[in-house]
């Protein structure tokens, strides 16, 4: 007489196949997430420079010159973003923005007769490299 046993659980082979499939899916997904993170940092750098541009114009309206440092604008940048105003006077201004997690990405912009910085070639257009 044979005793019949009901099958409960998975075999080792079945578990290994599932683990391999999950590993392949993770290997495909991780680079996509890293690329998304880099685009987010680039977006923060560009956005902060555009916000500084708006605040610079407001500052110029009241003071007839552009602010030479971000502190004079009462500007709060995105977390981790550093804005450096390279040149500022009554004729124009230029600035760069960086983020330590986005290194070596640097974005730059210039307005008026200020010297272009960081690869920016067109006035008012944020350029990242």
N, C-alpha and C. Protein backbone atom coordinates (compact mmCIF):
# COMPACT_ATOMS: atom_id res chain seq x y z
N UNK A 1 0.80 -1.15 0.00
CA UNK A 1 0.00 0.00 0.00
C UNK A 1 0.87 1.25 0.00
N UNK A 2 0.55 2.14 -0.87
CA UNK A 2 1.31 3.38 -0.98
C UNK A 2 0.59 4.49 -0.22
N UNK A 3 1.39 5.26 0.45
CA UNK A 3 0.83 6.42 1.13
C UNK A 3 0.98 7.62 0.22
N UNK A 4 -0.04 8.35 0.03
CA UNK A 4 0.06 9.55 -0.81
C UNK A 4 0.32 10.77 0.09
N UNK A 5 1.27 11.54 -0.37
CA UNK A 5 1.59 12.76 0.36
C UNK A 5 1.19 13.97 -0.47
N UNK A 6 0.61 14.91 0.17
CA UNK A 6 0.29 16.14 -0.56
C UNK A 6 1.54 17.02 -0.56
N UNK A 7 1.74 17.68 -1.67
CA UNK A 7 2.93 18.52 -1.83
C UNK A 7 2.70 19.87 -1.16
N UNK A 8 3.57 20.20 -0.24
CA UNK A 8 3.47 21.48 0.45
C UNK A 8 4.78 22.21 0.30
N UNK A 9 4.74 23.46 -0.20
CA UNK A 9 5.95 24.25 -0.34
C UNK A 9 6.52 24.19 -1.75
N UNK A 10 7.71 24.78 -1.91
CA UNK A 10 8.37 24.86 -3.21
C UNK A 10 9.67 24.07 -3.16
N UNK A 11 10.09 23.62 -4.32
CA UNK A 11 11.37 22.92 -4.39
C UNK A 11 12.49 23.94 -4.44
N UNK A 12 13.68 23.50 -4.21
CA UNK A 12 14.85 24.37 -4.25
C UNK A 12 15.04 24.97 -5.64
N UNK A 13 14.82 24.21 -6.66
CA UNK A 13 14.95 24.69 -8.04
C UNK A 13 13.96 25.83 -8.31
N UNK A 14 12.74 25.66 -7.88
CA UNK A 14 11.73 26.71 -8.09
C UNK A 14 12.13 28.00 -7.38
N UNK A 15 12.62 27.89 -6.18
CA UNK A 15 13.06 29.08 -5.43
C UNK A 15 14.25 29.74 -6.11
N UNK A 16 15.20 28.97 -6.62
CA UNK A 16 16.35 29.53 -7.31
C UNK A 16 15.94 30.26 -8.59
N UNK A 17 14.99 29.72 -9.33
CA UNK A 17 14.50 30.38 -10.54
C UNK A 17 13.88 31.73 -10.20
N UNK A 18 13.10 31.80 -9.14
CA UNK A 18 12.48 33.06 -8.73
C UNK A 18 13.55 34.06 -8.32
N UNK A 19 14.55 33.64 -7.58
CA UNK A 19 15.62 34.54 -7.15
C UNK A 19 16.39 35.08 -8.35
N UNK A 20 16.67 34.23 -9.33
CA UNK A 20 17.39 34.67 -10.53
C UNK A 20 16.56 35.69 -11.31
N UNK A 21 15.28 35.44 -11.45
CA UNK A 21 14.40 36.38 -12.17
C UNK A 21 14.35 37.72 -11.44
N UNK A 22 14.23 37.71 -10.13
CA UNK A 22 14.23 38.97 -9.36
C UNK A 22 15.56 39.70 -9.49
N UNK A 23 16.66 38.96 -9.53
CA UNK A 23 17.98 39.58 -9.71
C UNK A 23 18.10 40.26 -11.06
N UNK A 24 17.58 39.62 -12.10
CA UNK A 24 17.63 40.22 -13.44
C UNK A 24 16.78 41.49 -13.49
N UNK A 25 15.60 41.44 -12.90
CA UNK A 25 14.74 42.64 -12.87
C UNK A 25 15.39 43.78 -12.10
N UNK A 26 16.03 43.48 -10.99
CA UNK A 26 16.71 44.51 -10.20
C UNK A 26 17.88 45.10 -10.99
N UNK A 27 18.62 44.27 -11.71
CA UNK A 27 19.75 44.75 -12.51
C UNK A 27 19.29 45.68 -13.63
N UNK A 28 18.10 45.48 -14.13
CA UNK A 28 17.56 46.36 -15.16
C UNK A 28 17.00 47.66 -14.57
N UNK A 29 16.45 47.60 -13.38
CA UNK A 29 15.78 48.76 -12.79
C UNK A 29 16.73 49.74 -12.13
N UNK A 30 17.80 49.28 -11.51
CA UNK A 30 18.70 50.17 -10.75
C UNK A 30 19.31 51.27 -11.62
N UNK A 31 19.84 51.00 -12.82
CA UNK A 31 20.37 52.09 -13.64
C UNK A 31 19.31 53.13 -14.01
N UNK A 32 18.07 52.70 -14.19
CA UNK A 32 17.00 53.65 -14.51
C UNK A 32 16.78 54.62 -13.36
N UNK A 33 16.80 54.13 -12.12
CA UNK A 33 16.61 54.99 -10.97
C UNK A 33 17.78 55.94 -10.78
N UNK A 34 19.01 55.50 -11.04
CA UNK A 34 20.17 56.37 -10.91
C UNK A 34 20.11 57.50 -11.93
N UNK A 35 19.67 57.22 -13.14
CA UNK A 35 19.54 58.24 -14.16
C UNK A 35 18.49 59.26 -13.76
N UNK A 36 17.40 58.82 -13.17
CA UNK A 36 16.35 59.71 -12.72
C UNK A 36 16.85 60.65 -11.63
N UNK A 37 17.67 60.13 -10.75
CA UNK A 37 18.23 60.94 -9.66
C UNK A 37 19.12 62.04 -10.23
N UNK A 38 19.92 61.72 -11.23
CA UNK A 38 20.79 62.70 -11.86
C UNK A 38 20.00 63.81 -12.54
N UNK A 39 18.90 63.45 -13.19
CA UNK A 39 18.06 64.46 -13.84
C UNK A 39 17.41 65.35 -12.79
N UNK A 40 17.07 64.80 -11.64
CA UNK A 40 16.47 65.61 -10.57
C UNK A 40 17.47 66.64 -10.06
N UNK A 41 18.74 66.24 -9.88
CA UNK A 41 19.75 67.20 -9.44
C UNK A 41 19.94 68.29 -10.48
N UNK A 42 20.00 67.93 -11.75
CA UNK A 42 20.15 68.92 -12.82
C UNK A 42 18.97 69.88 -12.82
N UNK A 43 17.78 69.37 -12.61
CA UNK A 43 16.59 70.22 -12.54
C UNK A 43 16.65 71.20 -11.39
N UNK A 44 17.15 70.75 -10.24
CA UNK A 44 17.28 71.64 -9.08
C UNK A 44 18.30 72.74 -9.35
N UNK A 45 19.40 72.41 -10.00
CA UNK A 45 20.42 73.41 -10.32
C UNK A 45 19.86 74.47 -11.26
N UNK A 46 19.16 74.05 -12.29
CA UNK A 46 18.58 74.99 -13.25
C UNK A 46 17.50 75.84 -12.60
N UNK A 47 16.65 75.21 -11.85
CA UNK A 47 15.56 75.92 -11.19
C UNK A 47 16.07 77.00 -10.24
N UNK A 48 17.09 76.66 -9.47
CA UNK A 48 17.64 77.64 -8.53
C UNK A 48 18.26 78.83 -9.26
N UNK A 49 18.94 78.58 -10.38
CA UNK A 49 19.51 79.71 -11.13
C UNK A 49 18.40 80.60 -11.70
N UNK A 50 17.31 80.01 -12.15
CA UNK A 50 16.20 80.80 -12.67
C UNK A 50 15.55 81.62 -11.55
N UNK A 51 15.45 81.03 -10.37
CA UNK A 51 14.90 81.77 -9.23
C UNK A 51 15.81 82.92 -8.82
N UNK A 52 17.12 82.69 -8.87
CA UNK A 52 18.07 83.76 -8.57
C UNK A 52 17.92 84.88 -9.59
N UNK A 53 17.71 84.53 -10.85
CA UNK A 53 17.53 85.55 -11.88
C UNK A 53 16.33 86.44 -11.57
N UNK A 54 15.24 85.85 -11.15
CA UNK A 54 14.05 86.63 -10.79
C UNK A 54 14.34 87.54 -9.60
N UNK A 55 15.05 87.01 -8.62
CA UNK A 55 15.35 87.81 -7.44
C UNK A 55 16.37 88.92 -7.75
N UNK A 56 17.27 88.64 -8.67
CA UNK A 56 18.24 89.66 -9.08
C UNK A 56 17.52 90.84 -9.74
N UNK A 57 16.55 90.55 -10.58
CA UNK A 57 15.80 91.63 -11.24
C UNK A 57 15.03 92.45 -10.23
N UNK A 58 14.47 91.80 -9.23
CA UNK A 58 13.77 92.52 -8.17
C UNK A 58 14.75 93.40 -7.39
N UNK A 59 15.91 92.84 -7.09
CA UNK A 59 16.94 93.59 -6.36
C UNK A 59 17.39 94.80 -7.20
N UNK A 60 17.58 94.60 -8.50
CA UNK A 60 18.02 95.68 -9.38
C UNK A 60 16.99 96.82 -9.42
N UNK A 61 15.71 96.46 -9.40
CA UNK A 61 14.65 97.47 -9.45
C UNK A 61 14.77 98.46 -8.29
N UNK A 62 15.10 97.95 -7.11
CA UNK A 62 15.18 98.80 -5.93
C UNK A 62 16.55 99.43 -5.71
N UNK A 63 17.63 98.79 -6.19
CA UNK A 63 18.98 99.24 -5.86
C UNK A 63 19.80 99.72 -7.06
N UNK A 64 19.28 99.57 -8.27
CA UNK A 64 19.95 99.98 -9.50
C UNK A 64 21.32 99.32 -9.70
N UNK A 65 21.50 98.19 -9.11
CA UNK A 65 22.66 97.33 -9.31
C UNK A 65 22.24 95.90 -8.96
N UNK A 66 23.01 94.93 -9.41
CA UNK A 66 22.70 93.53 -9.09
C UNK A 66 23.45 93.12 -7.83
N UNK A 67 22.89 92.20 -7.09
CA UNK A 67 23.49 91.72 -5.85
C UNK A 67 24.73 90.88 -6.15
N UNK A 68 25.79 91.09 -5.38
CA UNK A 68 27.04 90.37 -5.61
C UNK A 68 27.13 89.08 -4.80
N UNK A 69 26.15 88.83 -3.93
CA UNK A 69 26.11 87.56 -3.20
C UNK A 69 24.66 87.15 -2.97
N UNK A 70 24.47 85.89 -2.80
CA UNK A 70 23.13 85.33 -2.65
C UNK A 70 22.47 85.80 -1.35
N UNK A 71 23.27 86.06 -0.33
CA UNK A 71 22.74 86.52 0.95
C UNK A 71 21.98 87.83 0.84
N UNK A 72 22.42 88.71 -0.06
CA UNK A 72 21.75 89.99 -0.23
C UNK A 72 20.36 89.81 -0.86
N UNK A 73 20.14 88.67 -1.49
CA UNK A 73 18.85 88.41 -2.14
C UNK A 73 17.86 87.71 -1.21
N UNK A 74 18.31 87.29 -0.05
CA UNK A 74 17.49 86.49 0.88
C UNK A 74 16.94 85.26 0.16
N UNK A 75 17.81 84.63 -0.61
CA UNK A 75 17.43 83.46 -1.40
C UNK A 75 17.80 82.18 -0.66
N UNK A 76 16.89 81.23 -0.63
CA UNK A 76 17.15 79.92 -0.05
C UNK A 76 17.17 78.91 -1.17
N UNK A 77 18.32 78.30 -1.39
CA UNK A 77 18.45 77.34 -2.49
C UNK A 77 17.88 75.98 -2.09
N UNK A 78 17.74 75.12 -3.09
CA UNK A 78 17.31 73.75 -2.84
C UNK A 78 18.35 73.05 -1.98
N UNK A 79 17.95 71.99 -1.30
CA UNK A 79 18.85 71.29 -0.40
C UNK A 79 20.10 70.80 -1.13
N UNK A 80 21.26 71.22 -0.65
CA UNK A 80 22.54 70.79 -1.21
C UNK A 80 23.05 71.63 -2.36
N UNK A 81 22.23 72.49 -2.93
CA UNK A 81 22.64 73.31 -4.08
C UNK A 81 23.40 74.54 -3.58
N UNK A 82 24.54 74.80 -4.21
CA UNK A 82 25.35 75.97 -3.88
C UNK A 82 25.33 76.92 -5.07
N UNK A 83 24.94 78.16 -4.83
CA UNK A 83 24.93 79.19 -5.86
C UNK A 83 26.10 80.12 -5.61
N UNK A 84 26.87 80.39 -6.64
CA UNK A 84 28.00 81.30 -6.55
C UNK A 84 27.83 82.41 -7.59
N UNK A 85 27.66 83.64 -7.14
CA UNK A 85 27.56 84.77 -8.06
C UNK A 85 28.98 85.21 -8.37
N UNK A 86 29.39 84.99 -9.61
CA UNK A 86 30.77 85.26 -10.01
C UNK A 86 31.02 86.75 -10.24
N UNK A 87 30.06 87.44 -10.80
CA UNK A 87 30.23 88.85 -11.13
C UNK A 87 28.87 89.53 -11.04
N UNK A 88 28.85 90.73 -10.50
CA UNK A 88 27.60 91.49 -10.43
C UNK A 88 27.91 92.97 -10.27
N UNK A 89 27.28 93.76 -11.11
CA UNK A 89 27.35 95.22 -11.01
C UNK A 89 26.11 95.78 -11.68
N UNK A 90 26.10 97.05 -11.98
CA UNK A 90 24.93 97.68 -12.59
C UNK A 90 24.72 97.28 -14.04
N UNK A 91 25.70 96.62 -14.65
CA UNK A 91 25.60 96.26 -16.06
C UNK A 91 25.16 94.81 -16.29
N UNK A 92 25.28 93.96 -15.28
CA UNK A 92 24.88 92.56 -15.45
C UNK A 92 25.43 91.70 -14.34
N UNK A 93 25.19 90.41 -14.45
CA UNK A 93 25.66 89.46 -13.44
C UNK A 93 25.79 88.08 -14.05
N UNK A 94 26.59 87.24 -13.39
CA UNK A 94 26.75 85.85 -13.81
C UNK A 94 26.85 84.98 -12.56
N UNK A 95 26.42 83.73 -12.69
CA UNK A 95 26.42 82.83 -11.53
C UNK A 95 26.53 81.39 -11.98
N UNK A 96 26.98 80.55 -11.05
CA UNK A 96 27.04 79.11 -11.27
C UNK A 96 26.32 78.41 -10.12
N UNK A 97 25.88 77.19 -10.38
CA UNK A 97 25.26 76.39 -9.33
C UNK A 97 25.84 74.98 -9.38
N UNK A 98 26.05 74.40 -8.20
CA UNK A 98 26.60 73.05 -8.09
C UNK A 98 25.86 72.29 -6.99
N UNK A 99 26.00 70.98 -7.04
CA UNK A 99 25.45 70.10 -6.01
C UNK A 99 26.46 68.98 -5.81
N UNK A 100 26.86 68.68 -4.57
CA UNK A 100 27.90 67.66 -4.36
C UNK A 100 27.53 66.28 -4.91
N UNK A 101 26.26 65.92 -4.89
CA UNK A 101 25.86 64.61 -5.40
C UNK A 101 25.77 64.59 -6.92
N UNK A 102 25.79 65.77 -7.55
CA UNK A 102 25.70 65.85 -9.00
C UNK A 102 27.07 66.12 -9.63
N UNK A 103 28.13 66.10 -8.83
CA UNK A 103 29.47 66.37 -9.35
C UNK A 103 29.78 65.42 -10.49
N UNK A 104 30.31 65.84 -11.59
CA UNK A 104 30.92 67.12 -11.93
C UNK A 104 29.97 68.09 -12.62
N UNK A 105 28.65 67.90 -12.53
CA UNK A 105 27.69 68.78 -13.20
C UNK A 105 27.70 70.16 -12.57
N UNK A 106 27.84 71.18 -13.42
CA UNK A 106 27.78 72.57 -13.00
C UNK A 106 26.91 73.31 -14.00
N UNK A 107 26.00 74.13 -13.50
CA UNK A 107 25.14 74.94 -14.37
C UNK A 107 25.53 76.40 -14.21
N UNK A 108 25.38 77.17 -15.28
CA UNK A 108 25.78 78.58 -15.26
C UNK A 108 24.83 79.42 -16.10
N UNK A 109 24.79 80.70 -15.78
CA UNK A 109 23.97 81.66 -16.53
C UNK A 109 24.61 83.04 -16.39
N UNK A 110 24.38 83.89 -17.38
CA UNK A 110 24.82 85.28 -17.28
C UNK A 110 23.78 86.19 -17.89
N UNK A 111 23.75 87.43 -17.42
CA UNK A 111 22.83 88.44 -17.91
C UNK A 111 23.60 89.74 -18.14
N UNK A 112 23.15 90.51 -19.10
CA UNK A 112 23.75 91.82 -19.37
C UNK A 112 25.15 91.70 -19.91
N UNK A 113 26.02 92.59 -19.44
CA UNK A 113 27.39 92.63 -19.93
C UNK A 113 28.37 91.86 -19.05
N UNK A 114 27.88 91.03 -18.20
CA UNK A 114 28.75 90.20 -17.36
C UNK A 114 29.44 89.15 -18.22
N UNK A 115 30.64 88.79 -17.80
CA UNK A 115 31.40 87.77 -18.53
C UNK A 115 30.72 86.41 -18.40
N UNK A 116 30.55 85.69 -19.51
CA UNK A 116 29.96 84.35 -19.43
C UNK A 116 30.82 83.42 -18.57
N UNK A 117 30.17 82.55 -17.82
CA UNK A 117 30.87 81.58 -16.97
C UNK A 117 30.34 80.18 -17.25
N UNK A 118 31.14 79.18 -16.93
CA UNK A 118 30.72 77.79 -16.96
C UNK A 118 30.13 77.29 -18.26
N UNK A 119 30.57 77.82 -19.37
CA UNK A 119 30.08 77.35 -20.66
C UNK A 119 28.80 78.01 -21.14
N UNK A 120 28.23 78.91 -20.36
CA UNK A 120 27.04 79.63 -20.80
C UNK A 120 27.42 80.54 -21.96
N UNK A 121 26.69 80.45 -23.06
CA UNK A 121 27.04 81.23 -24.25
C UNK A 121 25.95 82.20 -24.67
N UNK A 122 24.73 81.98 -24.22
CA UNK A 122 23.61 82.86 -24.58
C UNK A 122 23.08 83.51 -23.32
N UNK A 123 22.88 84.81 -23.39
CA UNK A 123 22.39 85.55 -22.22
C UNK A 123 21.04 85.02 -21.75
N UNK A 124 20.96 84.74 -20.46
CA UNK A 124 19.71 84.32 -19.85
C UNK A 124 19.37 82.84 -20.03
N UNK A 125 20.22 82.10 -20.72
CA UNK A 125 19.97 80.67 -20.94
C UNK A 125 20.87 79.87 -19.99
N UNK A 126 20.26 79.07 -19.13
CA UNK A 126 21.02 78.25 -18.20
C UNK A 126 21.67 77.11 -18.98
N UNK A 127 22.98 76.99 -18.79
CA UNK A 127 23.75 75.94 -19.48
C UNK A 127 24.40 75.04 -18.45
N UNK A 128 24.25 73.73 -18.62
CA UNK A 128 24.86 72.78 -17.70
C UNK A 128 25.86 71.92 -18.44
N UNK A 129 26.96 71.64 -17.76
CA UNK A 129 27.99 70.78 -18.36
C UNK A 129 28.63 69.92 -17.29
